[in-house]
Amino acid sequence: MSQVNVITVKSPSELKKKMKQIKVNWSEYIRDSIQNKMQNEIANLNQSLNTAKTAAFVGIAMGIVGIALAVGVTMRKHTKNQPAIPSTTS
């Protein structure tokens, strides 16, 4: 059996009177509401984390492409005036 904790909620007297008039298990309603809110928040955090991971991956990939392009441009500049390497095959 799992441990049960008590949470106390303060409400105005008028609200409490109105709650007594309605046939609702308020403890169950509040537990369900808290559970749903937690599930939504966890889903939102997971979505944000996945978005951040995707953004980081794209950023890294763009950085790699940028470096590759920069190295390619530099290599072309340095090899532009170099004579071709003679072939060793006859």
PDB file of N, CA and C in Angstrom:
ATOM      1  N   MET A   1       0.835  -1.177   0.000  1.00  0.00           N
ATOM      2  CA  MET A   1       0.000   0.000   0.000  1.00  0.00           C
ATOM      3  C   MET A   1       0.878   1.238   0.000  1.00  0.00           C
ATOM      4  N   SER A   2       0.561   2.210  -0.861  1.00  0.00           N
ATOM      5  CA  SER A   2       1.393   3.397  -0.951  1.00  0.00           C
ATOM      6  C   SER A   2       1.056   4.393   0.159  1.00  0.00           C
ATOM      7  N   GLN A   3       2.036   5.200   0.449  1.00  0.00           N
ATOM      8  CA  GLN A   3       1.867   6.198   1.497  1.00  0.00           C
ATOM      9  C   GLN A   3       0.945   7.306   0.990  1.00  0.00           C
ATOM     10  N   VAL A   4       0.111   7.828   1.864  1.00  0.00           N
ATOM     11  CA  VAL A   4      -0.830   8.889   1.511  1.00  0.00           C
ATOM     12  C   VAL A   4      -0.452  10.141   2.277  1.00  0.00           C
ATOM     13  N   ASN A   5      -0.379  11.266   1.569  1.00  0.00           N
ATOM     14  CA  ASN A   5      -0.102  12.554   2.187  1.00  0.00           C
ATOM     15  C   ASN A   5      -1.351  13.414   2.150  1.00  0.00           C
ATOM     16  N   VAL A   6      -1.457  14.299   3.096  1.00  0.00           N
ATOM     17  CA  VAL A   6      -2.610  15.187   3.178  1.00  0.00           C
ATOM     18  C   VAL A   6      -2.212  16.557   2.655  1.00  0.00           C
ATOM     19  N   ILE A   7      -3.067  17.099   1.782  1.00  0.00           N
ATOM     20  CA  ILE A   7      -2.880  18.456   1.271  1.00  0.00           C
ATOM     21  C   ILE A   7      -4.090  19.264   1.720  1.00  0.00           C
ATOM     22  N   THR A   8      -3.841  20.410   2.312  1.00  0.00           N
ATOM     23  CA  THR A   8      -4.927  21.264   2.779  1.00  0.00           C
ATOM     24  C   THR A   8      -5.105  22.411   1.799  1.00  0.00           C
ATOM     25  N   VAL A   9      -6.367  22.706   1.492  1.00  0.00           N
ATOM     26  CA  VAL A   9      -6.682  23.793   0.568  1.00  0.00           C
ATOM     27  C   VAL A   9      -7.559  24.796   1.301  1.00  0.00           C
ATOM     28  N   LYS A  10      -7.193  26.061   1.225  1.00  0.00           N
ATOM     29  CA  LYS A  10      -8.011  27.111   1.829  1.00  0.00           C
ATOM     30  C   LYS A  10      -8.937  27.668   0.755  1.00  0.00           C
ATOM     31  N   SER A  11     -10.165  27.922   1.147  1.00  0.00           N
ATOM     32  CA  SER A  11     -11.126  28.510   0.215  1.00  0.00           C
ATOM     33  C   SER A  11     -12.035  29.463   0.974  1.00  0.00           C
ATOM     34  N   PRO A  12     -12.586  30.434   0.272  1.00  0.00           N
ATOM     35  CA  PRO A  12     -13.537  31.351   0.926  1.00  0.00           C
ATOM     36  C   PRO A  12     -14.783  30.600   1.414  1.00  0.00           C
ATOM     37  N   SER A  13     -15.415  31.099   2.443  1.00  0.00           N
ATOM     38  CA  SER A  13     -16.601  30.455   3.037  1.00  0.00           C
ATOM     39  C   SER A  13     -17.709  30.257   2.021  1.00  0.00           C
ATOM     40  N   GLU A  14     -17.921  31.242   1.169  1.00  0.00           N
ATOM     41  CA  GLU A  14     -18.993  31.141   0.172  1.00  0.00           C
ATOM     42  C   GLU A  14     -18.733  29.980  -0.794  1.00  0.00           C
ATOM     43  N   LEU A  15     -17.503  29.824  -1.197  1.00  0.00           N
ATOM     44  CA  LEU A  15     -17.159  28.722  -2.096  1.00  0.00           C
ATOM     45  C   LEU A  15     -17.406  27.383  -1.405  1.00  0.00           C
ATOM     46  N   LYS A  16     -17.014  27.271  -0.173  1.00  0.00           N
ATOM     47  CA  LYS A  16     -17.208  26.032   0.585  1.00  0.00           C
ATOM     48  C   LYS A  16     -18.703  25.690   0.687  1.00  0.00           C
ATOM     49  N   LYS A  17     -19.530  26.691   0.913  1.00  0.00           N
ATOM     50  CA  LYS A  17     -20.983  26.453   0.992  1.00  0.00           C
ATOM     51  C   LYS A  17     -21.514  25.944  -0.339  1.00  0.00           C
ATOM     52  N   LYS A  18     -21.058  26.545  -1.428  1.00  0.00           N
ATOM     53  CA  LYS A  18     -21.510  26.124  -2.756  1.00  0.00           C
ATOM     54  C   LYS A  18     -21.024  24.714  -3.085  1.00  0.00           C
ATOM     55  N   MET A  19     -19.814  24.401  -2.645  1.00  0.00           N
ATOM     56  CA  MET A  19     -19.267  23.061  -2.890  1.00  0.00           C
ATOM     57  C   MET A  19     -20.108  21.999  -2.179  1.00  0.00           C
ATOM     58  N   LYS A  20     -20.613  22.318  -0.987  1.00  0.00           N
ATOM     59  CA  LYS A  20     -21.432  21.357  -0.231  1.00  0.00           C
ATOM     60  C   LYS A  20     -22.763  21.090  -0.932  1.00  0.00           C
ATOM     61  N   GLN A  21     -23.242  22.044  -1.710  1.00  0.00           N
ATOM     62  CA  GLN A  21     -24.526  21.896  -2.394  1.00  0.00           C
ATOM     63  C   GLN A  21     -24.427  20.992  -3.625  1.00  0.00           C
ATOM     64  N   ILE A  22     -23.229  20.805  -4.119  1.00  0.00           N
ATOM     65  CA  ILE A  22     -23.025  20.009  -5.329  1.00  0.00           C
ATOM     66  C   ILE A  22     -22.541  18.619  -4.927  1.00  0.00           C
ATOM     67  N   LYS A  23     -23.130  17.613  -5.533  1.00  0.00           N
ATOM     68  CA  LYS A  23     -22.772  16.218  -5.228  1.00  0.00           C
ATOM     69  C   LYS A  23     -21.529  15.821  -6.030  1.00  0.00           C
ATOM     70  N   VAL A  24     -20.385  16.232  -5.537  1.00  0.00           N
ATOM     71  CA  VAL A  24     -19.109  15.901  -6.172  1.00  0.00           C
ATOM     72  C   VAL A  24     -18.165  15.433  -5.082  1.00  0.00           C
ATOM     73  N   ASN A  25     -17.413  14.390  -5.378  1.00  0.00           N
ATOM     74  CA  ASN A  25     -16.368  13.952  -4.466  1.00  0.00           C
ATOM     75  C   ASN A  25     -15.180  14.879  -4.712  1.00  0.00           C
ATOM     76  N   TRP A  26     -15.092  15.958  -3.925  1.00  0.00           N
ATOM     77  CA  TRP A  26     -14.092  16.999  -4.170  1.00  0.00           C
ATOM     78  C   TRP A  26     -12.669  16.491  -3.999  1.00  0.00           C
ATOM     79  N   SER A  27     -12.453  15.589  -3.087  1.00  0.00           N
ATOM     80  CA  SER A  27     -11.105  15.020  -2.907  1.00  0.00           C
ATOM     81  C   SER A  27     -10.669  14.303  -4.179  1.00  0.00           C
ATOM     82  N   GLU A  28     -11.575  13.496  -4.717  1.00  0.00           N
ATOM     83  CA  GLU A  28     -11.264  12.766  -5.954  1.00  0.00           C
ATOM     84  C   GLU A  28     -11.072  13.739  -7.113  1.00  0.00           C
ATOM     85  N   TYR A  29     -11.934  14.738  -7.178  1.00  0.00           N
ATOM     86  CA  TYR A  29     -11.838  15.739  -8.249  1.00  0.00           C
ATOM     87  C   TYR A  29     -10.488  16.458  -8.206  1.00  0.00           C
ATOM     88  N   ILE A  30     -10.081  16.866  -7.011  1.00  0.00           N
ATOM     89  CA  ILE A  30      -8.812  17.583  -6.862  1.00  0.00           C
ATOM     90  C   ILE A  30      -7.635  16.662  -7.171  1.00  0.00           C
ATOM     91  N   ARG A  31      -7.686  15.407  -6.694  1.00  0.00           N
ATOM     92  CA  ARG A  31      -6.608  14.453  -7.020  1.00  0.00           C
ATOM     93  C   ARG A  31      -6.485  14.274  -8.533  1.00  0.00           C
ATOM     94  N   ASP A  32      -7.628  14.068  -9.193  1.00  0.00           N
ATOM     95  CA  ASP A  32      -7.616  13.894 -10.654  1.00  0.00           C
ATOM     96  C   ASP A  32      -7.095  15.138 -11.362  1.00  0.00           C
ATOM     97  N   SER A  33      -7.504  16.303 -10.881  1.00  0.00           N
ATOM     98  CA  SER A  33      -7.045  17.561 -11.487  1.00  0.00           C
ATOM     99  C   SER A  33      -5.538  17.732 -11.346  1.00  0.00           C
ATOM    100  N   ILE A  34      -5.031  17.416 -10.172  1.00  0.00           N
ATOM    101  CA  ILE A  34      -3.581  17.503  -9.946  1.00  0.00           C
ATOM    102  C   ILE A  34      -2.849  16.507 -10.841  1.00  0.00           C
ATOM    103  N   GLN A  35      -3.362  15.289 -10.914  1.00  0.00           N
ATOM    104  CA  GLN A  35      -2.734  14.253 -11.758  1.00  0.00           C
ATOM    105  C   GLN A  35      -2.716  14.694 -13.229  1.00  0.00           C
ATOM    106  N   ASN A  36      -3.844  15.221 -13.720  1.00  0.00           N
ATOM    107  CA  ASN A  36      -3.905  15.688 -15.109  1.00  0.00           C
ATOM    108  C   ASN A  36      -2.945  16.841 -15.361  1.00  0.00           C
ATOM    109  N   LYS A  37      -2.880  17.768 -14.418  1.00  0.00           N
ATOM    110  CA  LYS A  37      -1.962  18.906 -14.558  1.00  0.00           C
ATOM    111  C   LYS A  37      -0.518  18.411 -14.609  1.00  0.00           C
ATOM    112  N   MET A  38      -0.182  17.469 -13.745  1.00  0.00           N
ATOM    113  CA  MET A  38       1.179  16.916 -13.736  1.00  0.00           C
ATOM    114  C   MET A  38       1.501  16.244 -15.065  1.00  0.00           C
ATOM    115  N   GLN A  39       0.573  15.449 -15.587  1.00  0.00           N
ATOM    116  CA  GLN A  39       0.802  14.770 -16.869  1.00  0.00           C
ATOM    117  C   GLN A  39       0.994  15.784 -17.995  1.00  0.00           C
ATOM    118  N   ASN A  40       0.173  16.857 -17.992  1.00  0.00           N
ATOM    119  CA  ASN A  40       0.311  17.894 -19.024  1.00  0.00           C
ATOM    120  C   ASN A  40       1.649  18.619 -18.919  1.00  0.00           C
ATOM    121  N   GLU A  41       2.049  18.942 -17.694  1.00  0.00           N
ATOM    122  CA  GLU A  41       3.322  19.645 -17.503  1.00  0.00           C
ATOM    123  C   GLU A  41       4.503  18.771 -17.909  1.00  0.00           C
ATOM    124  N   ILE A  42       4.456  17.489 -17.568  1.00  0.00           N
ATOM    125  CA  ILE A  42       5.526  16.570 -17.958  1.00  0.00           C
ATOM    126  C   ILE A  42       5.579  16.447 -19.483  1.00  0.00           C
ATOM    127  N   ALA A  43       4.413  16.359 -20.115  1.00  0.00           N
ATOM    128  CA  ALA A  43       4.373  16.288 -21.581  1.00  0.00           C
ATOM    129  C   ALA A  43       4.951  17.563 -22.191  1.00  0.00           C
ATOM    130  N   ASN A  44       4.624  18.716 -21.616  1.00  0.00           N
ATOM    131  CA  ASN A  44       5.164  19.984 -22.115  1.00  0.00           C
ATOM    132  C   ASN A  44       6.678  20.050 -21.931  1.00  0.00           C
ATOM    133  N   LEU A  45       7.158  19.585 -20.786  1.00  0.00           N
ATOM    134  CA  LEU A  45       8.608  19.570 -20.550  1.00  0.00           C
ATOM    135  C   LEU A  45       9.309  18.641 -21.538  1.00  0.00           C
ATOM    136  N   ASN A  46       8.721  17.471 -21.783  1.00  0.00           N
ATOM    137  CA  ASN A  46       9.305  16.537 -22.749  1.00  0.00           C
ATOM    138  C   ASN A  46       9.328  17.145 -24.147  1.00  0.00           C
ATOM    139  N   GLN A  47       8.245  17.837 -24.511  1.00  0.00           N
ATOM    140  CA  GLN A  47       8.173  18.497 -25.820  1.00  0.00           C
ATOM    141  C   GLN A  47       9.256  19.571 -25.923  1.00  0.00           C
ATOM    142  N   SER A  48       9.411  20.364 -24.864  1.00  0.00           N
ATOM    143  CA  SER A  48      10.438  21.407 -24.856  1.00  0.00           C
ATOM    144  C   SER A  48      11.829  20.799 -24.952  1.00  0.00           C
ATOM    145  N   LEU A  49      12.036  19.706 -24.228  1.00  0.00           N
ATOM    146  CA  LEU A  49      13.331  19.032 -24.269  1.00  0.00           C
ATOM    147  C   LEU A  49      13.617  18.494 -25.664  1.00  0.00           C
ATOM    148  N   ASN A  50      12.619  17.869 -26.294  1.00  0.00           N
ATOM    149  CA  ASN A  50      12.801  17.354 -27.652  1.00  0.00           C
ATOM    150  C   ASN A  50      13.070  18.485 -28.632  1.00  0.00           C
ATOM    151  N   THR A  51      12.380  19.617 -28.467  1.00  0.00           N
ATOM    152  CA  THR A  51      12.600  20.777 -29.332  1.00  0.00           C
ATOM    153  C   THR A  51      14.016  21.307 -29.141  1.00  0.00           C
ATOM    154  N   ALA A  52      14.458  21.379 -27.890  1.00  0.00           N
ATOM    155  CA  ALA A  52      15.810  21.860 -27.602  1.00  0.00           C
ATOM    156  C   ALA A  52      16.856  20.917 -28.179  1.00  0.00           C
ATOM    157  N   LYS A  53      16.634  19.607 -28.049  1.00  0.00           N
ATOM    158  CA  LYS A  53      17.574  18.628 -28.603  1.00  0.00           C
ATOM    159  C   LYS A  53      17.646  18.773 -30.122  1.00  0.00           C
ATOM    160  N   THR A  54      16.482  18.940 -30.759  1.00  0.00           N
ATOM    161  CA  THR A  54      16.451  19.106 -32.217  1.00  0.00           C
ATOM    162  C   THR A  54      17.177  20.376 -32.619  1.00  0.00           C
ATOM    163  N   ALA A  55      16.923  21.463 -31.905  1.00  0.00           N
ATOM    164  CA  ALA A  55      17.577  22.735 -32.217  1.00  0.00           C
ATOM    165  C   ALA A  55      19.089  22.618 -32.041  1.00  0.00           C
ATOM    166  N   ALA A  56      19.514  21.935 -30.976  1.00  0.00           N
ATOM    167  CA  ALA A  56      20.950  21.753 -30.748  1.00  0.00           C
ATOM    168  C   ALA A  56      21.562  20.915 -31.860  1.00  0.00           C
ATOM    169  N   PHE A  57      20.878  19.849 -32.260  1.00  0.00           N
ATOM    170  CA  PHE A  57      21.373  18.997 -33.331  1.00  0.00           C
ATOM    171  C   PHE A  57      21.498  19.788 -34.629  1.00  0.00           C
ATOM    172  N   VAL A  58      20.475  20.573 -34.949  1.00  0.00           N
ATOM    173  CA  VAL A  58      20.508  21.377 -36.176  1.00  0.00           C
ATOM    174  C   VAL A  58      21.630  22.400 -36.093  1.00  0.00           C
ATOM    175  N   GLY A  59      21.783  23.013 -34.926  1.00  0.00           N
ATOM    176  CA  GLY A  59      22.854  23.991 -34.743  1.00  0.00           C
ATOM    177  C   GLY A  59      24.228  23.365 -34.922  1.00  0.00           C
ATOM    178  N   ILE A  60      24.419  22.196 -34.349  1.00  0.00           N
ATOM    179  CA  ILE A  60      25.698  21.488 -34.490  1.00  0.00           C
ATOM    180  C   ILE A  60      25.927  21.107 -35.946  1.00  0.00           C
ATOM    181  N   ALA A  61      24.881  20.585 -36.589  1.00  0.00           N
ATOM    182  CA  ALA A  61      25.006  20.189 -37.995  1.00  0.00           C
ATOM    183  C   ALA A  61      25.344  21.395 -38.865  1.00  0.00           C
ATOM    184  N   MET A  62      24.695  22.529 -38.603  1.00  0.00           N
ATOM    185  CA  MET A  62      24.978  23.733 -39.386  1.00  0.00           C
ATOM    186  C   MET A  62      26.408  24.210 -39.131  1.00  0.00           C
ATOM    187  N   GLY A  63      26.853  24.076 -37.886  1.00  0.00           N
ATOM    188  CA  GLY A  63      28.228  24.447 -37.568  1.00  0.00           C
ATOM    189  C   GLY A  63      29.224  23.567 -38.302  1.00  0.00           C
ATOM    190  N   ILE A  64      28.954  22.277 -38.356  1.00  0.00           N
ATOM    191  CA  ILE A  64      29.836  21.344 -39.062  1.00  0.00           C
ATOM    192  C   ILE A  64      29.862  21.666 -40.547  1.00  0.00           C
ATOM    193  N   VAL A  65      28.694  21.930 -41.111  1.00  0.00           N
ATOM    194  CA  VAL A  65      28.626  22.279 -42.534  1.00  0.00           C
ATOM    195  C   VAL A  65      29.385  23.580 -42.775  1.00  0.00           C
ATOM    196  N   GLY A  66      29.197  24.551 -41.872  1.00  0.00           N
ATOM    197  CA  GLY A  66      29.914  25.827 -42.006  1.00  0.00           C
ATOM    198  C   GLY A  66      31.419  25.638 -41.955  1.00  0.00           C
ATOM    199  N   ILE A  67      31.884  24.809 -41.038  1.00  0.00           N
ATOM    200  CA  ILE A  67      33.326  24.537 -40.932  1.00  0.00           C
ATOM    201  C   ILE A  67      33.809  23.828 -42.190  1.00  0.00           C
ATOM    202  N   ALA A  68      33.045  22.850 -42.654  1.00  0.00           N
ATOM    203  CA  ALA A  68      33.439  22.112 -43.861  1.00  0.00           C
ATOM    204  C   ALA A  68      33.522  23.055 -45.057  1.00  0.00           C
ATOM    205  N   LEU A  69      32.565  23.942 -45.176  1.00  0.00           N
ATOM    206  CA  LEU A  69      32.596  24.902 -46.286  1.00  0.00           C
ATOM    207  C   LEU A  69      33.783  25.836 -46.157  1.00  0.00           C
ATOM    208  N   ALA A  70      34.045  26.309 -44.942  1.00  0.00           N
ATOM    209  CA  ALA A  70      35.180  27.215 -44.734  1.00  0.00           C
ATOM    210  C   ALA A  70      36.493  26.517 -45.045  1.00  0.00           C
ATOM    211  N   VAL A  71      36.647  25.282 -44.613  1.00  0.00           N
ATOM    212  CA  VAL A  71      37.870  24.525 -44.895  1.00  0.00           C
ATOM    213  C   VAL A  71      37.989  24.282 -46.394  1.00  0.00           C
ATOM    214  N   GLY A  72      36.876  23.962 -47.038  1.00  0.00           N
ATOM    215  CA  GLY A  72      36.903  23.743 -48.484  1.00  0.00           C
ATOM    216  C   GLY A  72      37.317  24.981 -49.235  1.00  0.00           C
ATOM    217  N   VAL A  73      36.807  26.147 -48.836  1.00  0.00           N
ATOM    218  CA  VAL A  73      37.187  27.405 -49.481  1.00  0.00           C
ATOM    219  C   VAL A  73      38.650  27.675 -49.249  1.00  0.00           C
ATOM    220  N   THR A  74      39.130  27.474 -48.033  1.00  0.00           N
ATOM    221  CA  THR A  74      40.537  27.699 -47.716  1.00  0.00           C
ATOM    222  C   THR A  74      41.420  26.751 -48.516  1.00  0.00           C
ATOM    223  N   MET A  75      41.031  25.491 -48.601  1.00  0.00           N
ATOM    224  CA  MET A  75      41.822  24.511 -49.352  1.00  0.00           C
ATOM    225  C   MET A  75      41.873  24.900 -50.834  1.00  0.00           C
ATOM    226  N   ARG A  76      40.753  25.354 -51.376  1.00  0.00           N
ATOM    227  CA  ARG A  76      40.748  25.748 -52.783  1.00  0.00           C
ATOM    228  C   ARG A  76      41.652  26.938 -53.013  1.00  0.00           C
ATOM    229  N   LYS A  77      41.691  27.892 -52.084  1.00  0.00           N
ATOM    230  CA  LYS A  77      42.551  29.063 -52.228  1.00  0.00           C
ATOM    231  C   LYS A  77      44.015  28.643 -52.220  1.00  0.00           C
ATOM    232  N   HIS A  78      44.365  27.699 -51.347  1.00  0.00           N
ATOM    233  CA  HIS A  78      45.755  27.279 -51.224  1.00  0.00           C
ATOM    234  C   HIS A  78      46.192  26.370 -52.365  1.00  0.00           C
ATOM    235  N   THR A  79      45.282  25.670 -52.954  1.00  0.00           N
ATOM    236  CA  THR A  79      45.669  24.729 -54.007  1.00  0.00           C
ATOM    237  C   THR A  79      45.395  25.282 -55.403  1.00  0.00           C
ATOM    238  N   LYS A  80      44.865  26.490 -55.492  1.00  0.00           N
ATOM    239  CA  LYS A  80      44.481  27.051 -56.792  1.00  0.00           C
ATOM    240  C   LYS A  80      45.690  27.197 -57.721  1.00  0.00           C
ATOM    241  N   ASN A  81      46.803  27.681 -57.206  1.00  0.00           N
ATOM    242  CA  ASN A  81      47.973  27.925 -58.039  1.00  0.00           C
ATOM    243  C   ASN A  81      49.015  26.813 -57.955  1.00  0.00           C
ATOM    244  N   GLN A  82      48.679  25.711 -57.335  1.00  0.00           N
ATOM    245  CA  GLN A  82      49.603  24.585 -57.220  1.00  0.00           C
ATOM    246  C   GLN A  82      49.559  23.759 -58.497  1.00  0.00           C
ATOM    247  N   PRO A  83      50.702  23.310 -58.948  1.00  0.00           N
ATOM    248  CA  PRO A  83      50.704  22.441 -60.115  1.00  0.00           C
ATOM    249  C   PRO A  83      50.054  21.104 -59.773  1.00  0.00           C
ATOM    250  N   ALA A  84      49.498  20.480 -60.747  1.00  0.00           N
ATOM    251  CA  ALA A  84      48.867  19.177 -60.523  1.00  0.00           C
ATOM    252  C   ALA A  84      49.918  18.162 -60.134  1.00  0.00           C
ATOM    253  N   ILE A  85      49.558  17.244 -59.291  1.00  0.00           N
ATOM    254  CA  ILE A  85      50.493  16.185 -58.868  1.00  0.00           C
ATOM    255  C   ILE A  85      50.571  15.191 -60.012  1.00  0.00           C
ATOM    256  N   PRO A  86      51.811  14.944 -60.460  1.00  0.00           N
ATOM    257  CA  PRO A  86      51.937  13.986 -61.587  1.00  0.00           C
ATOM    258  C   PRO A  86      51.521  12.593 -61.158  1.00  0.00           C
ATOM    259  N   SER A  87      50.949  11.879 -62.080  1.00  0.00           N
ATOM    260  CA  SER A  87      50.497  10.508 -61.824  1.00  0.00           C
ATOM    261  C   SER A  87      51.710   9.596 -61.809  1.00  0.00           C
ATOM    262  N   THR A  88      51.687   8.626 -60.914  1.00  0.00           N
ATOM    263  CA  THR A  88      52.797   7.680 -60.810  1.00  0.00           C
ATOM    264  C   THR A  88      52.543   6.445 -61.671  1.00  0.00           C
ATOM    265  N   THR A  89      51.375   6.354 -62.271  1.00  0.00           N
ATOM    266  CA  THR A  89      51.088   5.199 -63.125  1.00  0.00           C
ATOM    267  C   THR A  89      51.403   5.547 -64.559  1.00  0.00           C
ATOM    268  N   SER A  90      51.825   4.550 -65.341  1.00  0.00           N
ATOM    269  CA  SER A  90      52.150   4.819 -66.734  1.00  0.00           C
ATOM    270  C   SER A  90      51.085   4.399 -67.670  1.00  0.00           C
TER     271      SER A  90
END
